[in-house]
Amino acid sequence: MAIDPDKLLNFPIPEQRQTITKASSILYALSVGLGADPMDAAQLDYVDHHRALKAMPSMAVVLGHPGFWLANPETGVDAVRLVHGEQGIVWHAPLPIEGEIIGRTRVTGLVDKGAGKGSLLYSEKTVTAAATGALLATTTSTTFLRGDGGYGGPTGPVRPAAPAPEGTPDIIVDLPTRPEQALYYRLNGDDNPLHADPELAARAGFPRPILHGLCTLGVVTHALLRGLAGYDPARLQSLGLRFSAPVYPGETIRTEIWKDGGFRARVIERDIVVVNNGRVKLA
């Protein structure tokens, strides 16, 4: 089934109501690596329910998550071959540790790169407090539809990324991932089998299941919190990044940070840049 661009641009993605609990907030923080150092009290503020808990800012990407909606055959998308290309977050208020939120996701753009070249799908999600309607966060995503192109969709505009950082970074933060980390991260609602099923990963062209791009984002956000914000989530106002290569669970992510807000990340074991064109804005 080929993509119908008008249908995909107006695809009805159901609104999601979600009740956040302390347990689900802690699970998210654990799933992106907080608490890996049991002697780091700053990390415990995100994962120890006996403390005055803080919400991990990058949790915005899983709140009100609509699930793997692109796997719906009605979209016309080759869901096996798609990958997460870019992600942005704007925080309008501190995320709650518990309470009810509403997530509303919509497709905001489509770029047909041509037959055999794939397609870009842009989407946006707003997260609001159910009780007050207050806007908590806006997330934006670019999904690279590697198996789709040449269906007569719009050919632009392609949204520019932030400039890639250059020179020597001012701060370097190394954070490990665990071999089973993708299986934990799936419990946040992102259950794409690419991150768990070796056979499907092989069909998609990977030697083994890969880490969720949004889990990589969580690890990088942790590095930014540590390196720039002293673990104070209120200091993060916005970030954007481009995923440039997959991470395999168990690898170590080195985040290289510049004081002007630029950043990138590489996997130490393979010396491959996995996140580039990063930009963070602090309060």
Protein backbone atom coordinates (compact mmCIF):
# COMPACT_ATOMS: atom_id res chain seq x y z
CA MET A 1 0.00 0.00 0.00
CA ALA A 2 1.60 3.27 -1.16
CA ILE A 3 1.52 6.49 0.84
CA ASP A 4 -1.37 8.83 0.12
CA PRO A 5 0.21 12.18 1.09
CA ASP A 6 -3.08 13.96 1.79
CA LYS A 7 -4.25 11.09 3.97
CA LEU A 8 -0.96 10.89 5.87
CA LEU A 9 -0.78 14.65 6.42
CA ASN A 10 -4.25 14.52 7.98
CA PHE A 11 -3.97 11.12 9.66
CA PRO A 12 -6.15 10.97 12.80
CA ILE A 13 -3.82 10.20 15.73
CA PRO A 14 -5.91 9.59 18.84
CA GLU A 15 -5.54 11.96 21.80
CA GLN A 16 -3.88 10.25 24.75
CA ARG A 17 -4.83 10.76 28.39
CA GLN A 18 -2.27 9.44 30.82
CA THR A 19 -2.05 9.31 34.58
CA ILE A 20 1.52 9.85 35.73
CA THR A 21 2.52 8.24 39.01
CA LYS A 22 5.68 8.46 41.05
CA ALA A 23 6.41 4.89 39.95
CA SER A 24 6.09 5.71 36.24
CA SER A 25 8.28 8.81 36.64
CA ILE A 26 10.94 6.74 38.40
CA LEU A 27 10.67 4.00 35.76
CA TYR A 28 11.36 6.52 33.01
CA ALA A 29 14.39 7.92 34.82
CA LEU A 30 15.76 4.41 35.44
CA SER A 31 15.14 3.45 31.79
CA VAL A 32 17.45 6.23 30.57
CA GLY A 33 20.19 5.39 33.07
CA LEU A 34 19.56 7.56 36.15
CA GLY A 35 20.66 5.72 39.29
CA ALA A 36 23.44 3.83 37.53
CA ASP A 37 25.88 5.39 39.99
CA PRO A 38 24.48 4.50 43.45
CA MET A 39 26.84 6.99 45.11
CA ASP A 40 25.59 9.98 43.11
CA ALA A 41 22.95 11.65 45.32
CA ALA A 42 21.97 14.03 42.49
CA GLN A 43 20.83 11.06 40.41
CA LEU A 44 18.90 9.64 43.37
CA ASP A 45 16.71 12.74 43.35
CA TYR A 46 15.10 11.30 40.20
CA VAL A 47 14.74 7.66 41.25
CA ASP A 48 14.40 7.41 45.07
CA HIS A 49 10.77 7.73 46.17
CA HIS A 50 11.89 8.65 49.71
CA ARG A 51 13.24 11.95 48.37
CA ALA A 52 11.51 15.06 47.01
CA LEU A 53 11.43 13.64 43.50
CA LYS A 54 12.26 15.59 40.36
CA ALA A 55 10.86 14.69 36.93
CA MET A 56 13.44 13.93 34.26
CA PRO A 57 12.84 16.67 31.64
CA SER A 58 13.19 14.35 28.66
CA MET A 59 10.20 12.38 29.98
CA ALA A 60 8.17 14.84 27.88
CA VAL A 61 8.80 12.62 24.84
CA VAL A 62 6.92 9.65 26.35
CA LEU A 63 4.09 11.53 28.06
CA GLY A 64 0.86 11.16 26.10
CA HIS A 65 2.78 9.02 23.59
CA PRO A 66 0.42 7.75 20.84
CA GLY A 67 2.27 4.44 20.47
CA PHE A 68 3.70 3.08 17.23
CA TRP A 69 0.93 4.62 15.13
CA LEU A 70 2.98 4.52 11.92
CA ALA A 71 2.70 0.71 12.01
CA ASN A 72 -1.01 1.12 11.17
CA PRO A 73 -1.34 -0.22 7.59
CA GLU A 74 -3.67 2.67 6.80
CA THR A 75 -0.69 5.07 6.87
CA GLY A 76 0.88 3.31 3.86
CA VAL A 77 4.29 3.53 5.56
CA ASP A 78 6.93 0.76 5.47
CA ALA A 79 7.15 0.65 9.27
CA VAL A 80 9.99 -1.91 9.32
CA ARG A 81 12.44 0.48 7.70
CA LEU A 82 11.61 3.81 9.35
CA VAL A 83 14.05 5.42 11.78
CA HIS A 84 13.90 8.41 14.10
CA GLY A 85 15.77 11.29 12.47
CA GLU A 86 15.47 14.38 14.69
CA GLN A 87 13.89 15.40 17.99
CA GLY A 88 13.15 18.67 19.70
CA ILE A 89 11.64 19.61 23.07
CA VAL A 90 10.45 22.95 24.42
CA TRP A 91 9.57 23.05 28.12
CA HIS A 92 6.89 25.57 29.07
CA ALA A 93 6.65 24.51 32.73
CA PRO A 94 8.24 21.89 35.03
CA LEU A 95 6.96 18.39 34.34
CA PRO A 96 4.87 16.87 37.13
CA ILE A 97 5.91 13.77 39.04
CA GLU A 98 2.29 12.66 39.22
CA GLY A 99 -1.08 13.73 37.84
CA GLU A 100 -3.09 13.44 34.61
CA ILE A 101 -1.83 14.83 31.32
CA ILE A 102 -3.14 14.94 27.75
CA GLY A 103 -0.97 14.32 24.70
CA ARG A 104 -2.10 15.53 21.28
CA THR A 105 0.00 14.48 18.27
CA ARG A 106 -0.37 15.63 14.68
CA VAL A 107 1.55 15.39 11.42
CA THR A 108 2.90 18.82 10.50
CA GLY A 109 4.79 18.15 7.27
CA LEU A 110 5.92 15.63 4.69
CA VAL A 111 8.86 15.72 2.27
CA ASP A 112 9.06 13.21 -0.59
CA LYS A 113 12.76 12.87 -1.44
CA GLY A 114 12.06 10.75 -4.53
CA ALA A 115 11.94 7.10 -5.59
CA GLY A 116 14.53 5.06 -3.69
CA LYS A 117 15.46 8.05 -1.50
CA GLY A 118 12.82 7.84 1.20
CA SER A 119 10.71 10.52 2.81
CA LEU A 120 10.67 12.81 5.86
CA LEU A 121 7.66 13.02 8.15
CA TYR A 122 7.42 15.91 10.61
CA SER A 123 5.16 15.66 13.67
CA GLU A 124 4.38 17.65 16.80
CA LYS A 125 3.00 16.69 20.20
CA THR A 126 1.70 18.99 22.91
CA VAL A 127 1.56 17.86 26.53
CA THR A 128 -0.96 19.67 28.73
CA ALA A 129 -2.12 19.30 32.33
CA ALA A 130 -5.59 17.72 32.23
CA ALA A 131 -6.85 19.62 35.28
CA THR A 132 -5.90 23.12 34.14
CA GLY A 133 -5.14 22.91 30.42
CA ALA A 134 -1.71 24.44 31.08
CA LEU A 135 0.83 23.67 28.36
CA LEU A 136 3.75 21.74 29.85
CA ALA A 137 5.85 20.80 26.82
CA THR A 138 5.91 20.73 23.04
CA THR A 139 7.90 18.03 21.28
CA THR A 140 8.77 17.87 17.59
CA SER A 141 10.01 14.88 15.62
CA THR A 142 11.38 14.06 12.20
CA THR A 143 10.91 10.44 11.12
CA PHE A 144 12.94 9.16 8.15
CA LEU A 145 10.76 6.81 6.12
CA ARG A 146 13.60 4.88 4.48
CA GLY A 147 11.28 2.57 2.56
CA ASP A 148 9.01 5.24 1.10
CA GLY A 149 9.58 7.84 -1.61
CA GLY A 150 8.44 8.79 -5.07
CA TYR A 151 4.70 8.82 -4.29
CA GLY A 152 4.05 12.38 -5.43
CA GLY A 153 4.19 14.08 -2.05
CA PRO A 154 5.54 17.57 -1.29
CA THR A 155 9.23 17.97 -2.12
CA GLY A 156 9.90 20.61 0.57
CA PRO A 157 10.63 22.58 2.51
CA VAL A 158 13.24 20.58 4.42
CA ARG A 159 13.62 22.06 7.89
CA PRO A 160 17.23 23.05 8.64
CA ALA A 161 19.08 21.61 11.61
CA ALA A 162 21.24 23.61 14.00
CA PRO A 163 24.88 23.95 12.87
CA ALA A 164 27.11 21.05 13.86
CA PRO A 165 29.46 22.05 16.68
CA GLU A 166 33.11 22.57 15.81
CA GLY A 167 36.38 22.65 17.68
CA THR A 168 37.20 21.23 21.11
CA PRO A 169 34.28 20.68 23.48
CA ASP A 170 34.30 22.44 26.84
CA ILE A 171 32.67 19.56 28.77
CA ILE A 172 32.68 15.80 28.22
CA VAL A 173 30.28 13.43 30.02
CA ASP A 174 30.52 9.65 29.59
CA LEU A 175 27.44 7.59 30.48
CA PRO A 176 27.05 3.83 30.02
CA THR A 177 24.00 2.03 28.66
CA ARG A 178 22.99 -1.47 29.71
CA PRO A 179 22.62 -4.52 27.42
CA GLU A 180 18.93 -4.83 28.37
CA GLN A 181 18.20 -1.10 28.43
CA ALA A 182 15.94 -1.08 25.34
CA LEU A 183 13.71 -3.68 27.02
CA TYR A 184 13.28 -1.38 30.02
CA TYR A 185 12.70 1.66 27.82
CA ARG A 186 9.89 -0.12 25.93
CA LEU A 187 7.84 -0.06 29.15
CA ASN A 188 7.39 3.69 28.62
CA GLY A 189 5.06 2.89 25.70
CA ASP A 190 7.43 2.83 22.72
CA ASP A 191 7.12 -0.83 21.74
CA ASN A 192 8.59 -0.83 18.21
CA PRO A 193 9.87 -4.45 17.87
CA LEU A 194 13.04 -3.14 16.18
CA HIS A 195 14.36 -2.63 19.72
CA ALA A 196 13.70 -6.17 20.95
CA ASP A 197 13.37 -8.69 18.09
CA PRO A 198 16.69 -9.84 16.54
CA GLU A 199 14.94 -11.21 13.43
CA LEU A 200 13.11 -7.98 12.73
CA ALA A 201 16.27 -5.95 13.40
CA ALA A 202 18.04 -8.05 10.74
CA ARG A 203 15.21 -7.40 8.26
CA ALA A 204 15.67 -3.68 8.92
CA GLY A 205 19.41 -3.95 8.17
CA PHE A 206 20.84 -4.01 11.70
CA PRO A 207 23.01 -6.80 13.16
CA ARG A 208 21.01 -6.74 16.40
CA PRO A 209 18.26 -4.72 18.10
CA ILE A 210 19.12 -1.05 18.50
CA LEU A 211 18.46 1.38 21.33
CA HIS A 212 15.48 3.68 20.89
CA GLY A 213 16.54 7.05 19.55
CA LEU A 214 14.50 8.62 22.34
CA CYS A 215 16.38 6.54 24.91
CA THR A 216 19.62 7.93 23.47
CA LEU A 217 18.04 11.38 23.82
CA GLY A 218 17.33 10.62 27.48
CA VAL A 219 20.96 9.66 28.10
CA VAL A 220 22.17 12.83 26.36
CA THR A 221 19.70 14.95 28.35
CA HIS A 222 21.14 13.39 31.52
CA ALA A 223 24.61 14.46 30.35
CA LEU A 224 23.38 18.01 29.72
CA LEU A 225 21.74 18.12 33.14
CA ARG A 226 24.99 17.03 34.75
CA GLY A 227 27.38 19.07 32.65
CA LEU A 228 25.50 22.36 32.35
CA ALA A 229 22.62 22.54 34.82
CA GLY A 230 23.84 20.95 38.06
CA TYR A 231 20.95 18.44 37.82
CA ASP A 232 18.40 21.29 38.07
CA PRO A 233 15.64 20.42 35.53
CA ALA A 234 14.15 23.93 35.70
CA ARG A 235 17.22 25.29 33.90
CA LEU A 236 16.45 23.45 30.64
CA GLN A 237 14.29 25.52 28.29
CA SER A 238 14.65 23.74 24.95
CA LEU A 239 16.80 21.33 23.01
CA GLY A 240 17.04 19.89 19.54
CA LEU A 241 19.24 17.22 17.98
CA ARG A 242 19.73 14.97 14.99
CA PHE A 243 20.24 11.20 15.28
CA SER A 244 23.16 10.33 13.00
CA ALA A 245 23.76 6.63 13.79
CA PRO A 246 22.17 3.93 15.98
CA VAL A 247 23.34 2.99 19.46
CA TYR A 248 23.48 -0.67 20.46
CA PRO A 249 22.44 -1.40 24.07
CA GLY A 250 25.51 -1.84 26.26
CA GLU A 251 27.60 0.84 24.56
CA THR A 252 28.92 3.97 26.30
CA ILE A 253 27.65 7.35 25.10
CA ARG A 254 30.09 10.25 25.32
CA THR A 255 28.33 13.63 25.16
CA GLU A 256 30.56 16.49 24.05
CA ILE A 257 29.22 19.88 25.12
CA TRP A 258 30.15 23.46 24.19
CA LYS A 259 29.35 26.36 26.51
CA ASP A 260 27.40 28.11 23.74
CA GLY A 261 24.81 25.31 23.93
CA GLY A 262 26.06 23.14 21.09
CA PHE A 263 26.52 19.43 21.67
CA ARG A 264 27.01 16.07 20.00
CA ALA A 265 27.39 12.50 21.22
CA ARG A 266 29.45 9.54 20.13
CA VAL A 267 29.69 5.87 21.05
CA ILE A 268 33.10 5.30 22.59
CA GLU A 269 33.42 1.64 21.60
CA ARG A 270 33.01 2.34 17.86
CA ASP A 271 34.06 6.03 17.84
CA ILE A 272 30.94 6.88 15.82
CA VAL A 273 28.94 10.08 16.21
CA VAL A 274 25.38 9.04 17.06
CA VAL A 275 23.90 12.49 17.83
CA ASN A 276 24.86 15.67 16.01
CA ASN A 277 23.59 19.22 15.39
CA GLY A 278 22.61 19.46 19.05
CA ARG A 279 21.56 22.73 20.62
CA VAL A 280 20.32 23.32 24.17
CA LYS A 281 18.97 26.55 25.64
CA LEU A 282 19.27 27.17 29.38
CA ALA A 283 17.38 29.54 31.66
